[in-house]
Amino acid sequence: MKGIKALFADSIQELKDLRTLAVTAMLLAIAVVLGFYTLQLTDYIKIGFAYIANETTGMLFGPAVGGIMGGLADLLKYLVKPTGPFFPGFTISGICGGIIYGIVLYKKPLTVKRVVFANFLVMVLVNILLNTYWLTLLYGDAYLALLPVRILKQAVMLPIETALFYTVAKVLTKANVFAMMRGTKAA
């Protein structure tokens, strides 16, 4: 537990750095733009790519910054391009996703296994369990009736999202973009 406390403490310290705030704002803008490319299949199923910016924020600046960015991204995406009724539960989900990405990826080597684990946790805890619950509150449908199709969608998307984020993160790492964003020298 001390490790998670330390991650949050370090992440909160990141908020004191002007570069962190600027990069987070840039990633927030990217998340909003990527929100334009969300494919709404049904009221219950949508496919989007804003998670890339959320996951990057958690990886670079930790769970506190990741959570803040995830919540703000949800609010701004809704304000700029609403795709259904506003529901604060999805903002909570955005915060939780950013926190999970930060806990799993912050200050740790970027590996496929770690990215799979982070995406799997977000998929199960946030996308399947929490978001399905929010949808039942929002639309009044039975939780267990929504669960199978949402599990199927997440099972299909997990390898796609993992491969996409890992590829983008590796390319940006090799190009020293992350080092520049953090204000450090490349290794």
N, C-alpha and C. Protein backbone atom coordinates (compact mmCIF):
# COMPACT_ATOMS: atom_id res chain seq x y z
N MET A 1 0.82 -1.20 0.00
CA MET A 1 0.00 0.00 0.00
C MET A 1 0.86 1.26 0.00
N LYS A 2 2.02 1.16 0.63
CA LYS A 2 2.91 2.31 0.69
C LYS A 2 3.35 2.72 -0.72
N GLY A 3 3.49 1.73 -1.62
CA GLY A 3 3.89 2.03 -2.99
C GLY A 3 2.86 2.88 -3.72
N ILE A 4 1.59 2.58 -3.52
CA ILE A 4 0.53 3.36 -4.18
C ILE A 4 0.47 4.76 -3.59
N LYS A 5 0.64 4.86 -2.26
CA LYS A 5 0.66 6.19 -1.62
C LYS A 5 1.80 7.03 -2.20
N ALA A 6 2.95 6.41 -2.37
CA ALA A 6 4.11 7.12 -2.92
C ALA A 6 3.85 7.56 -4.36
N LEU A 7 3.19 6.69 -5.14
CA LEU A 7 2.85 7.07 -6.52
C LEU A 7 1.94 8.29 -6.55
N PHE A 8 0.93 8.30 -5.68
CA PHE A 8 0.03 9.45 -5.62
C PHE A 8 0.76 10.70 -5.16
N ALA A 9 1.63 10.55 -4.15
CA ALA A 9 2.39 11.70 -3.65
C ALA A 9 3.29 12.27 -4.74
N ASP A 10 3.98 11.40 -5.46
CA ASP A 10 4.84 11.86 -6.56
C ASP A 10 4.01 12.50 -7.66
N SER A 11 2.86 11.91 -7.95
CA SER A 11 2.00 12.44 -9.00
C SER A 11 1.45 13.81 -8.63
N ILE A 12 1.09 13.99 -7.38
CA ILE A 12 0.61 15.30 -6.93
C ILE A 12 1.72 16.33 -7.05
N GLN A 13 2.96 15.92 -6.77
CA GLN A 13 4.10 16.83 -6.93
C GLN A 13 4.29 17.25 -8.39
N GLU A 14 3.93 16.36 -9.31
CA GLU A 14 4.02 16.68 -10.75
C GLU A 14 3.18 17.91 -11.09
N LEU A 15 2.08 18.10 -10.36
CA LEU A 15 1.18 19.23 -10.64
C LEU A 15 1.83 20.58 -10.37
N LYS A 16 2.92 20.59 -9.64
CA LYS A 16 3.63 21.84 -9.36
C LYS A 16 4.52 22.28 -10.52
N ASP A 17 4.73 21.40 -11.49
CA ASP A 17 5.60 21.68 -12.62
C ASP A 17 4.79 22.26 -13.78
N LEU A 18 5.19 23.42 -14.25
CA LEU A 18 4.48 24.07 -15.35
C LEU A 18 4.49 23.22 -16.61
N ARG A 19 5.57 22.50 -16.85
CA ARG A 19 5.64 21.63 -18.03
C ARG A 19 4.58 20.52 -17.94
N THR A 20 4.40 19.96 -16.76
CA THR A 20 3.37 18.93 -16.56
C THR A 20 2.00 19.49 -16.91
N LEU A 21 1.71 20.68 -16.43
CA LEU A 21 0.41 21.30 -16.71
C LEU A 21 0.23 21.56 -18.20
N ALA A 22 1.28 22.03 -18.85
CA ALA A 22 1.19 22.31 -20.29
C ALA A 22 1.01 21.03 -21.10
N VAL A 23 1.78 20.00 -20.78
CA VAL A 23 1.67 18.73 -21.51
C VAL A 23 0.32 18.08 -21.24
N THR A 24 -0.14 18.15 -20.00
CA THR A 24 -1.44 17.58 -19.67
C THR A 24 -2.55 18.31 -20.42
N ALA A 25 -2.44 19.62 -20.52
CA ALA A 25 -3.43 20.39 -21.29
C ALA A 25 -3.40 20.00 -22.76
N MET A 26 -2.21 19.77 -23.29
CA MET A 26 -2.09 19.33 -24.68
C MET A 26 -2.72 17.94 -24.86
N LEU A 27 -2.44 17.03 -23.94
CA LEU A 27 -3.03 15.69 -24.01
C LEU A 27 -4.54 15.74 -23.81
N LEU A 28 -5.00 16.67 -23.00
CA LEU A 28 -6.44 16.87 -22.82
C LEU A 28 -7.07 17.32 -24.14
N ALA A 29 -6.42 18.23 -24.82
CA ALA A 29 -6.92 18.68 -26.13
C ALA A 29 -6.92 17.52 -27.13
N ILE A 30 -5.89 16.69 -27.09
CA ILE A 30 -5.84 15.53 -27.98
C ILE A 30 -6.99 14.57 -27.66
N ALA A 31 -7.27 14.37 -26.37
CA ALA A 31 -8.38 13.49 -25.98
C ALA A 31 -9.71 14.02 -26.52
N VAL A 32 -9.89 15.33 -26.46
CA VAL A 32 -11.13 15.93 -26.97
C VAL A 32 -11.22 15.74 -28.49
N VAL A 33 -10.13 15.98 -29.19
CA VAL A 33 -10.13 15.79 -30.64
C VAL A 33 -10.38 14.32 -30.99
N LEU A 34 -9.71 13.41 -30.28
CA LEU A 34 -9.93 11.99 -30.53
C LEU A 34 -11.38 11.60 -30.21
N GLY A 35 -12.02 12.34 -29.31
CA GLY A 35 -13.42 12.12 -29.00
C GLY A 35 -14.34 12.36 -30.19
N PHE A 36 -13.89 13.17 -31.15
CA PHE A 36 -14.66 13.39 -32.38
C PHE A 36 -14.73 12.12 -33.22
N TYR A 37 -13.79 11.23 -33.03
CA TYR A 37 -13.72 10.03 -33.84
C TYR A 37 -14.27 8.81 -33.10
N THR A 38 -15.24 9.06 -32.23
CA THR A 38 -15.91 7.98 -31.52
C THR A 38 -17.01 7.42 -32.40
N LEU A 39 -17.06 6.11 -32.48
CA LEU A 39 -18.08 5.44 -33.27
C LEU A 39 -19.16 4.95 -32.31
N GLN A 40 -20.34 5.56 -32.36
CA GLN A 40 -21.46 5.19 -31.48
C GLN A 40 -22.27 4.12 -32.19
N LEU A 41 -22.10 2.86 -31.78
CA LEU A 41 -22.80 1.75 -32.42
C LEU A 41 -24.24 1.65 -31.91
N THR A 42 -24.42 1.73 -30.60
CA THR A 42 -25.74 1.72 -29.97
C THR A 42 -25.67 2.65 -28.77
N ASP A 43 -26.77 2.76 -28.02
CA ASP A 43 -26.74 3.54 -26.78
C ASP A 43 -25.75 2.95 -25.78
N TYR A 44 -25.48 1.65 -25.93
CA TYR A 44 -24.65 0.94 -24.95
C TYR A 44 -23.24 0.64 -25.44
N ILE A 45 -22.99 0.78 -26.72
CA ILE A 45 -21.69 0.41 -27.29
C ILE A 45 -21.14 1.56 -28.11
N LYS A 46 -19.96 2.04 -27.71
CA LYS A 46 -19.25 3.02 -28.54
C LYS A 46 -17.77 2.70 -28.50
N ILE A 47 -17.12 3.01 -29.60
CA ILE A 47 -15.70 2.73 -29.75
C ILE A 47 -14.99 4.06 -29.97
N GLY A 48 -13.98 4.34 -29.16
CA GLY A 48 -13.27 5.60 -29.27
C GLY A 48 -11.77 5.41 -29.04
N PHE A 49 -11.05 6.50 -29.21
CA PHE A 49 -9.59 6.44 -29.12
C PHE A 49 -9.01 7.45 -28.13
N ALA A 50 -9.86 8.14 -27.40
CA ALA A 50 -9.39 9.14 -26.44
C ALA A 50 -8.60 8.49 -25.31
N TYR A 51 -8.78 7.20 -25.11
CA TYR A 51 -8.05 6.49 -24.05
C TYR A 51 -6.53 6.62 -24.26
N ILE A 52 -6.09 6.81 -25.50
CA ILE A 52 -4.65 6.92 -25.77
C ILE A 52 -4.07 8.12 -25.01
N ALA A 53 -4.74 9.25 -25.08
CA ALA A 53 -4.27 10.44 -24.36
C ALA A 53 -4.38 10.24 -22.85
N ASN A 54 -5.46 9.61 -22.40
CA ASN A 54 -5.64 9.35 -20.97
C ASN A 54 -4.54 8.42 -20.44
N GLU A 55 -4.27 7.37 -21.18
CA GLU A 55 -3.26 6.40 -20.78
C GLU A 55 -1.87 7.04 -20.79
N THR A 56 -1.60 7.87 -21.78
CA THR A 56 -0.32 8.57 -21.86
C THR A 56 -0.13 9.49 -20.66
N THR A 57 -1.19 10.21 -20.28
CA THR A 57 -1.10 11.10 -19.13
C THR A 57 -0.79 10.32 -17.86
N GLY A 58 -1.49 9.21 -17.64
CA GLY A 58 -1.23 8.39 -16.46
C GLY A 58 0.19 7.85 -16.46
N MET A 59 0.66 7.43 -17.64
CA MET A 59 2.00 6.89 -17.75
C MET A 59 3.06 7.96 -17.45
N LEU A 60 2.88 9.15 -17.97
CA LEU A 60 3.87 10.20 -17.81
C LEU A 60 3.84 10.87 -16.44
N PHE A 61 2.64 11.09 -15.89
CA PHE A 61 2.52 11.94 -14.72
C PHE A 61 1.83 11.30 -13.52
N GLY A 62 1.43 10.04 -13.62
CA GLY A 62 0.93 9.33 -12.47
C GLY A 62 -0.57 9.37 -12.27
N PRO A 63 -1.02 8.69 -11.19
CA PRO A 63 -2.45 8.50 -10.98
C PRO A 63 -3.22 9.77 -10.64
N ALA A 64 -2.64 10.70 -9.90
CA ALA A 64 -3.37 11.93 -9.55
C ALA A 64 -3.62 12.77 -10.80
N VAL A 65 -2.58 13.00 -11.58
CA VAL A 65 -2.73 13.79 -12.81
C VAL A 65 -3.59 13.02 -13.81
N GLY A 66 -3.39 11.71 -13.91
CA GLY A 66 -4.19 10.89 -14.81
C GLY A 66 -5.67 10.94 -14.47
N GLY A 67 -5.99 10.88 -13.17
CA GLY A 67 -7.38 10.96 -12.74
C GLY A 67 -8.01 12.31 -13.04
N ILE A 68 -7.28 13.37 -12.77
CA ILE A 68 -7.78 14.71 -13.06
C ILE A 68 -8.02 14.87 -14.55
N MET A 69 -7.05 14.45 -15.35
CA MET A 69 -7.17 14.58 -16.79
C MET A 69 -8.34 13.73 -17.31
N GLY A 70 -8.50 12.51 -16.78
CA GLY A 70 -9.59 11.64 -17.22
C GLY A 70 -10.96 12.26 -16.96
N GLY A 71 -11.12 12.86 -15.79
CA GLY A 71 -12.38 13.52 -15.47
C GLY A 71 -12.64 14.74 -16.33
N LEU A 72 -11.61 15.57 -16.48
CA LEU A 72 -11.75 16.77 -17.32
C LEU A 72 -12.00 16.40 -18.78
N ALA A 73 -11.35 15.35 -19.25
CA ALA A 73 -11.55 14.92 -20.64
C ALA A 73 -13.00 14.52 -20.87
N ASP A 74 -13.58 13.78 -19.93
CA ASP A 74 -14.98 13.38 -20.07
C ASP A 74 -15.88 14.61 -20.14
N LEU A 75 -15.67 15.57 -19.26
CA LEU A 75 -16.50 16.78 -19.25
C LEU A 75 -16.34 17.59 -20.53
N LEU A 76 -15.10 17.81 -20.95
CA LEU A 76 -14.86 18.60 -22.15
C LEU A 76 -15.37 17.92 -23.42
N LYS A 77 -15.17 16.60 -23.51
CA LYS A 77 -15.69 15.88 -24.69
C LYS A 77 -17.20 16.01 -24.76
N TYR A 78 -17.86 15.96 -23.62
CA TYR A 78 -19.31 16.11 -23.63
C TYR A 78 -19.71 17.53 -24.03
N LEU A 79 -19.02 18.53 -23.51
CA LEU A 79 -19.35 19.91 -23.84
C LEU A 79 -19.13 20.22 -25.31
N VAL A 80 -18.06 19.68 -25.89
CA VAL A 80 -17.72 19.95 -27.28
C VAL A 80 -18.58 19.14 -28.24
N LYS A 81 -18.78 17.85 -27.92
CA LYS A 81 -19.55 16.99 -28.82
C LYS A 81 -20.32 15.95 -28.01
N PRO A 82 -21.51 16.30 -27.55
CA PRO A 82 -22.29 15.35 -26.76
C PRO A 82 -22.72 14.15 -27.61
N THR A 83 -22.62 12.95 -27.03
CA THR A 83 -23.07 11.74 -27.72
C THR A 83 -24.08 11.02 -26.82
N GLY A 84 -25.08 11.72 -26.41
CA GLY A 84 -26.10 11.17 -25.52
C GLY A 84 -26.25 12.08 -24.32
N PRO A 85 -27.06 11.66 -23.36
CA PRO A 85 -27.27 12.51 -22.19
C PRO A 85 -26.03 12.56 -21.30
N PHE A 86 -25.84 13.70 -20.62
CA PHE A 86 -24.72 13.79 -19.68
C PHE A 86 -25.06 12.99 -18.44
N PHE A 87 -24.09 12.24 -17.96
CA PHE A 87 -24.26 11.47 -16.73
C PHE A 87 -22.95 11.53 -15.96
N PRO A 88 -22.95 12.05 -14.73
CA PRO A 88 -21.70 12.21 -13.98
C PRO A 88 -20.98 10.90 -13.67
N GLY A 89 -21.67 9.78 -13.73
CA GLY A 89 -21.02 8.50 -13.49
C GLY A 89 -19.89 8.24 -14.48
N PHE A 90 -20.07 8.68 -15.73
CA PHE A 90 -19.03 8.47 -16.72
C PHE A 90 -17.81 9.35 -16.44
N THR A 91 -18.02 10.49 -15.79
CA THR A 91 -16.90 11.32 -15.36
C THR A 91 -16.11 10.58 -14.28
N ILE A 92 -16.83 9.94 -13.37
CA ILE A 92 -16.17 9.13 -12.34
C ILE A 92 -15.38 8.00 -13.01
N SER A 93 -15.95 7.40 -14.04
CA SER A 93 -15.24 6.35 -14.77
C SER A 93 -13.96 6.89 -15.41
N GLY A 94 -14.03 8.09 -15.98
CA GLY A 94 -12.84 8.72 -16.56
C GLY A 94 -11.75 8.93 -15.53
N ILE A 95 -12.16 9.37 -14.35
CA ILE A 95 -11.21 9.56 -13.26
C ILE A 95 -10.58 8.23 -12.86
N CYS A 96 -11.42 7.22 -12.69
CA CYS A 96 -10.93 5.88 -12.29
C CYS A 96 -9.96 5.31 -13.33
N GLY A 97 -10.28 5.46 -14.61
CA GLY A 97 -9.39 4.98 -15.67
C GLY A 97 -8.03 5.65 -15.61
N GLY A 98 -8.02 6.97 -15.45
CA GLY A 98 -6.75 7.70 -15.35
C GLY A 98 -5.93 7.27 -14.15
N ILE A 99 -6.61 7.02 -13.04
CA ILE A 99 -5.92 6.56 -11.83
C ILE A 99 -5.30 5.18 -12.05
N ILE A 100 -6.07 4.28 -12.66
CA ILE A 100 -5.56 2.92 -12.90
C ILE A 100 -4.36 2.97 -13.84
N TYR A 101 -4.47 3.73 -14.95
CA TYR A 101 -3.33 3.84 -15.86
C TYR A 101 -2.10 4.37 -15.12
N GLY A 102 -2.31 5.37 -14.27
CA GLY A 102 -1.19 5.95 -13.52
C GLY A 102 -0.56 4.97 -12.55
N ILE A 103 -1.39 4.21 -11.84
CA ILE A 103 -0.85 3.24 -10.87
C ILE A 103 -0.03 2.16 -11.57
N VAL A 104 -0.52 1.69 -12.71
CA VAL A 104 0.15 0.57 -13.39
C VAL A 104 1.36 1.02 -14.22
N LEU A 105 1.30 2.20 -14.83
CA LEU A 105 2.32 2.59 -15.81
C LEU A 105 3.32 3.65 -15.34
N TYR A 106 2.98 4.45 -14.33
CA TYR A 106 3.82 5.57 -13.92
C TYR A 106 5.14 5.09 -13.31
N LYS A 107 6.22 5.65 -13.81
CA LYS A 107 7.58 5.37 -13.32
C LYS A 107 7.96 3.90 -13.43
N LYS A 108 7.41 3.24 -14.44
CA LYS A 108 7.73 1.83 -14.66
C LYS A 108 8.11 1.65 -16.12
N PRO A 109 8.90 0.63 -16.42
CA PRO A 109 9.28 0.39 -17.83
C PRO A 109 8.04 0.08 -18.68
N LEU A 110 8.05 0.57 -19.90
CA LEU A 110 6.95 0.31 -20.82
C LEU A 110 7.14 -1.08 -21.42
N THR A 111 6.27 -2.02 -21.04
CA THR A 111 6.32 -3.37 -21.58
C THR A 111 4.93 -3.74 -22.07
N VAL A 112 4.87 -4.69 -22.98
CA VAL A 112 3.58 -5.17 -23.49
C VAL A 112 2.76 -5.72 -22.33
N LYS A 113 3.40 -6.49 -21.47
CA LYS A 113 2.71 -7.11 -20.34
C LYS A 113 2.06 -6.05 -19.44
N ARG A 114 2.79 -4.99 -19.16
CA ARG A 114 2.27 -3.92 -18.30
C ARG A 114 1.12 -3.18 -18.98
N VAL A 115 1.23 -2.93 -20.28
CA VAL A 115 0.16 -2.25 -21.02
C VAL A 115 -1.08 -3.13 -21.09
N VAL A 116 -0.89 -4.42 -21.32
CA VAL A 116 -2.02 -5.36 -21.32
C VAL A 116 -2.71 -5.34 -19.95
N PHE A 117 -1.91 -5.38 -18.89
CA PHE A 117 -2.47 -5.39 -17.54
C PHE A 117 -3.26 -4.12 -17.25
N ALA A 118 -2.70 -2.96 -17.60
CA ALA A 118 -3.39 -1.69 -17.37
C ALA A 118 -4.71 -1.65 -18.14
N ASN A 119 -4.66 -2.03 -19.41
CA ASN A 119 -5.87 -2.00 -20.22
C ASN A 119 -6.89 -3.04 -19.75
N PHE A 120 -6.41 -4.19 -19.30
CA PHE A 120 -7.30 -5.22 -18.79
C PHE A 120 -8.02 -4.72 -17.53
N LEU A 121 -7.28 -4.10 -16.60
CA LEU A 121 -7.91 -3.57 -15.39
C LEU A 121 -8.96 -2.52 -15.72
N VAL A 122 -8.63 -1.60 -16.60
CA VAL A 122 -9.60 -0.56 -16.99
C VAL A 122 -10.79 -1.21 -17.68
N MET A 123 -10.51 -2.20 -18.54
CA MET A 123 -11.59 -2.87 -19.26
C MET A 123 -12.57 -3.52 -18.27
N VAL A 124 -12.06 -4.28 -17.31
CA VAL A 124 -12.93 -5.01 -16.40
C VAL A 124 -13.57 -4.07 -15.37
N LEU A 125 -12.74 -3.33 -14.64
CA LEU A 125 -13.26 -2.52 -13.53
C LEU A 125 -14.09 -1.32 -13.98
N VAL A 126 -13.63 -0.65 -15.03
CA VAL A 126 -14.31 0.58 -15.46
C VAL A 126 -15.29 0.30 -16.59
N ASN A 127 -14.81 -0.22 -17.70
CA ASN A 127 -15.65 -0.34 -18.89
C ASN A 127 -16.76 -1.38 -18.73
N ILE A 128 -16.45 -2.52 -18.15
CA ILE A 128 -17.47 -3.56 -18.02
C ILE A 128 -18.31 -3.34 -16.76
N LEU A 129 -17.69 -3.34 -15.60
CA LEU A 129 -18.47 -3.29 -14.35
C LEU A 129 -19.09 -1.91 -14.10
N LEU A 130 -18.27 -0.88 -14.04
CA LEU A 130 -18.76 0.44 -13.66
C LEU A 130 -19.64 1.07 -14.75
N ASN A 131 -19.15 1.09 -16.00
CA ASN A 131 -19.93 1.73 -17.05
C ASN A 131 -21.23 0.99 -17.35
N THR A 132 -21.23 -0.32 -17.22
CA THR A 132 -22.49 -1.06 -17.40
C THR A 132 -23.48 -0.67 -16.31
N TYR A 133 -22.98 -0.50 -15.10
CA TYR A 133 -23.85 -0.05 -14.01
C TYR A 133 -24.42 1.35 -14.31
N TRP A 134 -23.56 2.25 -14.79
CA TRP A 134 -24.05 3.60 -15.12
C TRP A 134 -25.13 3.52 -16.19
N LEU A 135 -24.93 2.66 -17.17
CA LEU A 135 -25.93 2.52 -18.25
C LEU A 135 -27.26 2.00 -17.71
N THR A 136 -27.21 1.10 -16.72
CA THR A 136 -28.47 0.61 -16.15
C THR A 136 -29.19 1.72 -15.41
N LEU A 137 -28.45 2.59 -14.73
CA LEU A 137 -29.07 3.72 -14.05
C LEU A 137 -29.63 4.72 -15.05
N LEU A 138 -28.91 4.92 -16.13
CA LEU A 138 -29.29 5.92 -17.13
C LEU A 138 -30.49 5.48 -17.97
N TYR A 139 -30.49 4.24 -18.40
CA TYR A 139 -31.52 3.78 -19.33
C TYR A 139 -32.52 2.81 -18.70
N GLY A 140 -32.26 2.35 -17.48
CA GLY A 140 -33.21 1.48 -16.80
C GLY A 140 -33.18 0.02 -17.23
N ASP A 141 -32.23 -0.37 -18.03
CA ASP A 141 -32.14 -1.77 -18.46
C ASP A 141 -31.47 -2.61 -17.37
N ALA A 142 -31.71 -3.89 -17.43
CA ALA A 142 -31.13 -4.81 -16.45
C ALA A 142 -29.63 -4.96 -16.68
N TYR A 143 -28.88 -4.95 -15.59
CA TYR A 143 -27.43 -5.06 -15.63
C TYR A 143 -27.00 -6.32 -16.37
N LEU A 144 -27.58 -7.44 -15.98
CA LEU A 144 -27.18 -8.71 -16.58
C LEU A 144 -27.58 -8.83 -18.04
N ALA A 145 -28.57 -8.06 -18.47
CA ALA A 145 -28.96 -8.07 -19.88
C ALA A 145 -27.92 -7.34 -20.74
N LEU A 146 -27.31 -6.30 -20.19
CA LEU A 146 -26.30 -5.53 -20.93
C LEU A 146 -24.93 -6.17 -20.90
N LEU A 147 -24.65 -6.92 -19.86
CA LEU A 147 -23.31 -7.44 -19.62
C LEU A 147 -22.73 -8.28 -20.76
N PRO A 148 -23.43 -9.25 -21.34
CA PRO A 148 -22.80 -10.09 -22.37
C PRO A 148 -22.28 -9.31 -23.58
N VAL A 149 -23.07 -8.39 -24.12
CA VAL A 149 -22.63 -7.65 -25.30
C VAL A 149 -21.47 -6.70 -24.96
N ARG A 150 -21.48 -6.17 -23.74
CA ARG A 150 -20.39 -5.28 -23.33
C ARG A 150 -19.10 -6.08 -23.09
N ILE A 151 -19.22 -7.28 -22.56
CA ILE A 151 -18.04 -8.14 -22.38
C ILE A 151 -17.46 -8.52 -23.74
N LEU A 152 -18.32 -8.86 -24.67
CA LEU A 152 -17.87 -9.22 -26.02
C LEU A 152 -17.13 -8.05 -26.68
N LYS A 153 -17.71 -6.86 -26.59
CA LYS A 153 -17.07 -5.68 -27.18
C LYS A 153 -15.69 -5.44 -26.56
N GLN A 154 -15.59 -5.56 -25.24
CA GLN A 154 -14.32 -5.34 -24.56
C GLN A 154 -13.30 -6.42 -24.90
N ALA A 155 -13.76 -7.65 -25.05
CA ALA A 155 -12.85 -8.75 -25.42
C ALA A 155 -12.26 -8.51 -26.81
N VAL A 156 -13.06 -7.95 -27.70
CA VAL A 156 -12.57 -7.63 -29.05
C VAL A 156 -11.62 -6.43 -29.00
N MET A 157 -11.96 -5.44 -28.19
CA MET A 157 -11.18 -4.19 -28.16
C MET A 157 -9.88 -4.28 -27.37
N LEU A 158 -9.78 -5.19 -26.40
CA LEU A 158 -8.57 -5.26 -25.57
C LEU A 158 -7.29 -5.42 -26.39
N PRO A 159 -7.20 -6.39 -27.28
CA PRO A 159 -5.94 -6.50 -28.04
C PRO A 159 -5.72 -5.32 -28.98
N ILE A 160 -6.78 -4.77 -29.51
CA ILE A 160 -6.66 -3.62 -30.42
C ILE A 160 -6.14 -2.41 -29.66
N GLU A 161 -6.78 -2.10 -28.53
CA GLU A 161 -6.37 -0.93 -27.73
C GLU A 161 -4.96 -1.10 -27.18
N THR A 162 -4.64 -2.31 -26.75
CA THR A 162 -3.30 -2.57 -26.21
C THR A 162 -2.24 -2.39 -27.29
N ALA A 163 -2.45 -2.99 -28.44
CA ALA A 163 -1.48 -2.88 -29.54
C ALA A 163 -1.34 -1.44 -30.00
N LEU A 164 -2.45 -0.73 -30.10
CA LEU A 164 -2.41 0.66 -30.56
C LEU A 164 -1.65 1.54 -29.59
N PHE A 165 -1.98 1.45 -28.29
CA PHE A 165 -1.28 2.28 -27.32
C PHE A 165 0.20 1.92 -27.24
N TYR A 166 0.51 0.63 -27.18
CA TYR A 166 1.90 0.21 -27.06
C TYR A 166 2.72 0.70 -28.27
N THR A 167 2.16 0.58 -29.45
CA THR A 167 2.85 1.02 -30.66
C THR A 167 3.09 2.53 -30.64
N VAL A 168 2.06 3.28 -30.31
CA VAL A 168 2.19 4.75 -30.25
C VAL A 168 3.22 5.12 -29.18
N ALA A 169 3.13 4.51 -28.00
CA ALA A 169 4.05 4.84 -26.91
C ALA A 169 5.49 4.49 -27.27
N LYS A 170 5.70 3.35 -27.92
CA LYS A 170 7.06 2.96 -28.31
C LYS A 170 7.65 3.92 -29.34
N VAL A 171 6.83 4.30 -30.33
CA VAL A 171 7.30 5.23 -31.36
C VAL A 171 7.65 6.58 -30.73
N LEU A 172 6.78 7.08 -29.84
CA LEU A 172 7.05 8.37 -29.19
C LEU A 172 8.25 8.28 -28.26
N THR A 173 8.46 7.13 -27.64
CA THR A 173 9.64 6.94 -26.79
C THR A 173 10.92 6.97 -27.63
N LYS A 174 10.92 6.23 -28.75
CA LYS A 174 12.10 6.19 -29.61
C LYS A 174 12.40 7.56 -30.23
N ALA A 175 11.36 8.34 -30.46
CA ALA A 175 11.55 9.67 -31.03
C ALA A 175 11.86 10.71 -29.95
N ASN A 176 12.03 10.26 -28.71
CA ASN A 176 12.34 11.12 -27.56
C ASN A 176 11.25 12.14 -27.24
N VAL A 177 10.04 11.91 -27.71
CA VAL A 177 8.95 12.85 -27.45
C VAL A 177 8.60 12.85 -25.97
N PHE A 178 8.53 11.67 -25.34
CA PHE A 178 8.19 11.62 -23.93
C PHE A 178 9.27 12.29 -23.08
N ALA A 179 10.53 12.10 -23.46
CA ALA A 179 11.61 12.74 -22.72
C ALA A 179 11.50 14.26 -22.82
N MET A 180 11.15 14.76 -23.99
CA MET A 180 10.97 16.20 -24.16
C MET A 180 9.78 16.70 -23.35
N MET A 181 8.69 15.92 -23.34
CA MET A 181 7.50 16.30 -22.59
C MET A 181 7.79 16.38 -21.09
N ARG A 182 8.61 15.47 -20.62
CA ARG A 182 8.92 15.43 -19.19
C ARG A 182 10.06 16.39 -18.85
N GLY A 183 10.74 16.90 -19.87
CA GLY A 183 11.84 17.81 -19.60
C GLY A 183 13.10 17.10 -19.16
N THR A 184 13.25 15.84 -19.58
CA THR A 184 14.43 15.05 -19.21
C THR A 184 15.21 14.71 -20.47
N LYS A 185 16.43 14.29 -20.27
CA LYS A 185 17.24 13.85 -21.40
C LYS A 185 16.88 12.42 -21.73
N ALA A 186 16.99 12.08 -23.00
CA ALA A 186 16.71 10.71 -23.44
C ALA A 186 17.76 9.77 -22.90
N ALA A 187 17.32 8.54 -22.63
CA ALA A 187 18.24 7.56 -22.08
C ALA A 187 19.13 6.97 -23.13
